[in-house]
Amino acid sequence: MKKVFISFDIDGTIIKPNYDDFIWYKEIPKLYAQKYGIEVEKARDIVTKEYKKIGENDIRWYIPQYWLDRFGLKVKQDEILQKYAHKIEIYEEVETVLNKLYGKYPLIISSAMPHSFIKVKLKKNNLFRYFERIFSAVSDFKMVKKESTFYKKVCERLKIPTQNLIHVGDRYREDYLAPRKAGVRAFYLDRTNNQPLSDPNIISDLLEFCSKLENYVKLL
């Protein structure tokens, strides 16, 4: 059997997204409000408008320190990220699945977010121990989205053909269509059941992914 790497997205796949929302839309606006002596709601409106001016197609959008400096806030991003690490929540089935797969397959992280976010999230319950490699579109490849080229670059770094990577994530375009275009086998994690379940590559949780993975690998 060929050596197969298993790739996981983070937010919406391993970690619940509430932590990011707190940092971007509560903590940074709160700091802005304190500095400029305005109400938090007004600060949130101002900060959100500034986010939109830069937009998600600009790599700066993803870097907390860029925004802290832009708003004149005298605080380092690592201080904020660590301060609220207790708000990071892992999906219920994650550790069961990782324990089952760990040692059987090499596991990696393939995320769009910067390493600064990945680092603090994987400290939760010492999730670091499960993963051989961590790839960030923003930090490693200066890409704002996980396009098909991202997955090709990941495979180049791993020195494997694209068909030897299996990826799972919760974003239909970035985690399903993009890797498939690159020749990577991908599973779309639809925790809300919004997509037609007739597609065998759509799963509702990581336990289902684990089950389908075993059947798929047997065919390699």
Protein backbone atom coordinates (compact mmCIF):
# COMPACT_ATOMS: atom_id res chain seq x y z
CA MET A 1 0.00 0.00 0.00
CA LYS A 2 1.21 3.48 -0.84
CA LYS A 3 2.13 5.88 1.97
CA VAL A 4 -0.87 8.15 2.35
CA PHE A 5 -0.87 11.44 4.24
CA ILE A 6 -4.07 12.61 5.92
CA SER A 7 -4.64 16.36 5.89
CA PHE A 8 -6.97 18.30 8.19
CA ASP A 9 -8.26 21.83 8.03
CA ILE A 10 -8.60 23.50 11.47
CA ASP A 11 -11.50 25.92 11.90
CA GLY A 12 -14.85 24.22 11.49
CA THR A 13 -13.07 20.87 11.22
CA ILE A 14 -11.01 20.39 14.38
CA ILE A 15 -11.64 23.64 16.26
CA LYS A 16 -14.95 25.47 16.65
CA PRO A 17 -14.85 28.95 15.03
CA ASN A 18 -15.91 30.99 18.07
CA TYR A 19 -12.31 31.77 19.09
CA ASP A 20 -11.50 33.64 15.88
CA ASP A 21 -14.76 35.56 16.05
CA PHE A 22 -13.94 36.64 19.58
CA ILE A 23 -10.48 37.95 18.64
CA TRP A 24 -11.58 39.84 15.52
CA TYR A 25 -14.98 41.15 16.55
CA LYS A 26 -14.82 41.47 20.34
CA GLU A 27 -11.28 41.82 21.65
CA ILE A 28 -9.81 44.11 18.99
CA PRO A 29 -12.91 46.40 19.02
CA LYS A 30 -12.76 46.45 22.84
CA LEU A 31 -9.11 47.56 22.76
CA TYR A 32 -9.99 50.18 20.13
CA ALA A 33 -12.84 51.49 22.30
CA GLN A 34 -10.60 51.74 25.34
CA LYS A 35 -7.88 53.61 23.46
CA TYR A 36 -10.17 56.15 21.81
CA GLY A 37 -12.78 56.48 24.56
CA ILE A 38 -15.81 55.37 22.58
CA GLU A 39 -18.53 52.74 22.99
CA VAL A 40 -17.61 49.19 22.05
CA GLU A 41 -20.44 48.93 19.50
CA LYS A 42 -19.19 52.05 17.72
CA ALA A 43 -15.64 50.72 17.84
CA ARG A 44 -16.82 47.41 16.34
CA ASP A 45 -18.46 49.27 13.45
CA ILE A 46 -15.29 51.25 12.78
CA VAL A 47 -13.03 48.21 13.01
CA THR A 48 -15.30 46.09 10.80
CA LYS A 49 -15.37 48.82 8.13
CA GLU A 50 -11.58 48.92 8.19
CA TYR A 51 -11.43 45.14 7.76
CA LYS A 52 -13.65 45.47 4.69
CA LYS A 53 -11.47 48.21 3.19
CA ILE A 54 -8.53 45.80 3.09
CA GLY A 55 -10.64 42.78 2.19
CA GLU A 56 -10.03 39.04 2.36
CA ASN A 57 -7.97 39.03 -0.84
CA ASP A 58 -5.19 40.97 0.88
CA ILE A 59 -2.81 38.92 3.03
CA ARG A 60 -2.72 41.69 5.65
CA TRP A 61 -6.36 40.93 6.48
CA TYR A 62 -5.27 37.69 8.17
CA ILE A 63 -2.51 39.13 10.38
CA PRO A 64 -3.70 40.39 13.81
CA GLN A 65 -0.50 42.37 14.38
CA TYR A 66 -1.12 44.37 11.21
CA TRP A 67 -4.49 45.51 12.60
CA LEU A 68 -3.16 46.19 16.08
CA ASP A 69 -0.48 48.44 14.58
CA ARG A 70 -2.93 50.05 12.14
CA PHE A 71 -5.27 50.97 14.98
CA GLY A 72 -2.43 52.22 17.17
CA LEU A 73 -2.99 49.58 19.84
CA LYS A 74 0.12 48.97 21.92
CA VAL A 75 -0.24 45.23 22.32
CA LYS A 76 1.34 42.20 20.65
CA GLN A 77 -0.81 39.65 18.88
CA ASP A 78 0.67 36.70 20.79
CA GLU A 79 -0.41 38.33 24.05
CA ILE A 80 -4.02 38.47 22.88
CA LEU A 81 -4.04 35.02 21.32
CA GLN A 82 -2.62 33.39 24.45
CA LYS A 83 -4.80 35.43 26.83
CA TYR A 84 -7.99 34.01 25.33
CA ALA A 85 -6.75 30.51 24.52
CA HIS A 86 -9.24 29.18 27.06
CA LYS A 87 -12.00 30.04 24.57
CA ILE A 88 -10.69 27.51 22.07
CA GLU A 89 -13.07 24.54 21.77
CA ILE A 90 -12.42 21.21 20.07
CA TYR A 91 -15.22 19.35 18.32
CA GLU A 92 -16.36 16.39 20.39
CA GLU A 93 -15.18 13.57 18.11
CA VAL A 94 -11.78 15.03 17.18
CA GLU A 95 -9.54 13.34 19.73
CA THR A 96 -11.22 9.97 19.25
CA VAL A 97 -10.53 10.18 15.51
CA LEU A 98 -6.97 11.47 15.89
CA ASN A 99 -6.15 8.70 18.38
CA LYS A 100 -7.48 6.14 15.93
CA LEU A 101 -5.49 7.51 12.97
CA TYR A 102 -2.30 8.51 14.78
CA GLY A 103 0.53 6.09 14.09
CA LYS A 104 -1.39 4.48 11.27
CA TYR A 105 -1.05 7.41 8.88
CA PRO A 106 1.12 10.54 8.90
CA LEU A 107 -1.22 13.40 9.82
CA ILE A 108 -0.78 17.02 8.76
CA ILE A 109 -2.56 20.36 9.07
CA SER A 110 -3.43 22.29 5.90
CA SER A 111 -4.87 25.66 6.88
CA ALA A 112 -5.27 29.12 5.40
CA MET A 113 -4.66 30.85 8.73
CA PRO A 114 -1.26 32.14 9.91
CA HIS A 115 1.01 29.99 12.06
CA SER A 116 0.34 32.30 15.01
CA PHE A 117 -3.30 31.15 15.12
CA ILE A 118 -2.47 27.53 14.34
CA LYS A 119 0.11 27.36 17.13
CA VAL A 120 -2.21 28.53 19.89
CA LYS A 121 -5.08 26.32 18.71
CA LEU A 122 -3.01 23.14 18.56
CA LYS A 123 -1.81 23.72 22.11
CA LYS A 124 -5.34 22.91 23.23
CA ASN A 125 -5.21 19.40 24.75
CA ASN A 126 -1.71 19.11 23.24
CA LEU A 127 -3.09 18.46 19.75
CA PHE A 128 0.39 19.21 18.39
CA ARG A 129 1.46 15.66 19.22
CA TYR A 130 -0.68 14.18 16.47
CA PHE A 131 0.69 16.11 13.49
CA GLU A 132 3.93 15.60 11.58
CA ARG A 133 3.74 18.78 9.53
CA ILE A 134 1.76 22.04 9.61
CA PHE A 135 1.14 24.11 6.50
CA SER A 136 -0.25 27.64 6.40
CA ALA A 137 -1.33 29.21 3.12
CA VAL A 138 -0.66 32.69 4.53
CA SER A 139 2.61 32.05 6.38
CA ASP A 140 4.25 29.40 4.19
CA PHE A 141 3.12 30.32 0.69
CA LYS A 142 1.91 33.94 0.96
CA MET A 143 -1.50 32.88 -0.33
CA VAL A 144 -4.77 34.25 1.05
CA LYS A 145 -6.86 31.22 0.08
CA LYS A 146 -6.31 27.50 -0.23
CA GLU A 147 -6.36 27.29 -4.01
CA SER A 148 -5.38 24.14 -5.92
CA THR A 149 -1.79 25.41 -6.09
CA PHE A 150 -1.66 25.38 -2.28
CA TYR A 151 -2.28 21.64 -2.21
CA LYS A 152 0.26 21.04 -4.95
CA LYS A 153 2.85 22.97 -2.93
CA VAL A 154 2.01 20.95 0.17
CA CYS A 155 2.58 17.74 -1.75
CA GLU A 156 5.86 19.09 -3.12
CA ARG A 157 7.01 19.81 0.44
CA LEU A 158 5.97 16.29 1.49
CA LYS A 159 7.62 14.84 -1.63
CA ILE A 160 4.55 12.82 -2.55
CA PRO A 161 2.26 12.74 -5.60
CA THR A 162 -1.02 14.56 -5.09
CA GLN A 163 -3.00 11.31 -5.16
CA ASN A 164 -1.22 10.29 -1.95
CA LEU A 165 -2.83 13.11 0.03
CA ILE A 166 -6.34 12.89 1.47
CA HIS A 167 -7.78 16.14 2.81
CA VAL A 168 -10.84 16.92 4.92
CA GLY A 169 -12.28 20.35 5.68
CA ASP A 170 -15.47 22.32 6.09
CA ARG A 171 -15.22 24.85 3.24
CA TYR A 172 -16.71 23.56 0.03
CA ARG A 173 -14.50 25.53 -2.35
CA GLU A 174 -11.22 25.68 -0.42
CA ASP A 175 -11.34 22.24 1.19
CA TYR A 176 -13.18 20.21 -1.43
CA LEU A 177 -13.14 21.67 -4.93
CA ALA A 178 -9.61 23.13 -4.76
CA PRO A 179 -7.82 19.96 -3.61
CA ARG A 180 -9.77 17.83 -6.06
CA LYS A 181 -8.64 20.14 -8.86
CA ALA A 182 -5.06 19.52 -7.73
CA GLY A 183 -5.52 15.75 -7.86
CA VAL A 184 -5.93 15.35 -4.09
CA ARG A 185 -8.69 13.10 -2.74
CA ALA A 186 -10.91 15.34 -0.63
CA PHE A 187 -13.86 14.97 1.72
CA TYR A 188 -16.21 17.85 2.45
CA LEU A 189 -17.20 18.11 6.10
CA ASP A 190 -20.72 19.50 6.19
CA ARG A 191 -21.60 19.69 9.88
CA THR A 192 -24.81 21.60 9.07
CA ASN A 193 -26.01 19.13 6.41
CA ASN A 194 -26.54 21.86 3.82
CA GLN A 195 -25.19 19.85 0.87
CA PRO A 196 -26.91 16.90 -0.86
CA LEU A 197 -25.81 13.72 0.87
CA SER A 198 -25.88 11.76 -2.38
CA ASP A 199 -22.20 12.65 -2.83
CA PRO A 200 -20.22 9.93 -0.99
CA ASN A 201 -17.43 12.43 -0.34
CA ILE A 202 -19.67 14.58 1.85
CA ILE A 203 -19.56 13.69 5.54
CA SER A 204 -21.33 15.05 8.61
CA ASP A 205 -18.53 14.53 11.16
CA LEU A 206 -15.00 13.20 11.45
CA LEU A 207 -16.13 9.78 12.66
CA GLU A 208 -17.80 9.29 9.30
CA PHE A 209 -14.63 10.52 7.60
CA CYS A 210 -12.61 7.97 9.54
CA SER A 211 -14.90 5.16 8.46
CA LYS A 212 -14.86 6.15 4.78
CA LEU A 213 -11.11 6.70 4.89
CA GLU A 214 -10.46 3.10 5.85
CA ASN A 215 -12.50 1.84 2.91
CA TYR A 216 -10.83 4.22 0.49
CA VAL A 217 -7.26 3.44 1.51
CA LYS A 218 -7.85 -0.27 1.00
CA LEU A 219 -8.31 0.47 -2.71
CA LEU A 220 -4.89 2.10 -3.09
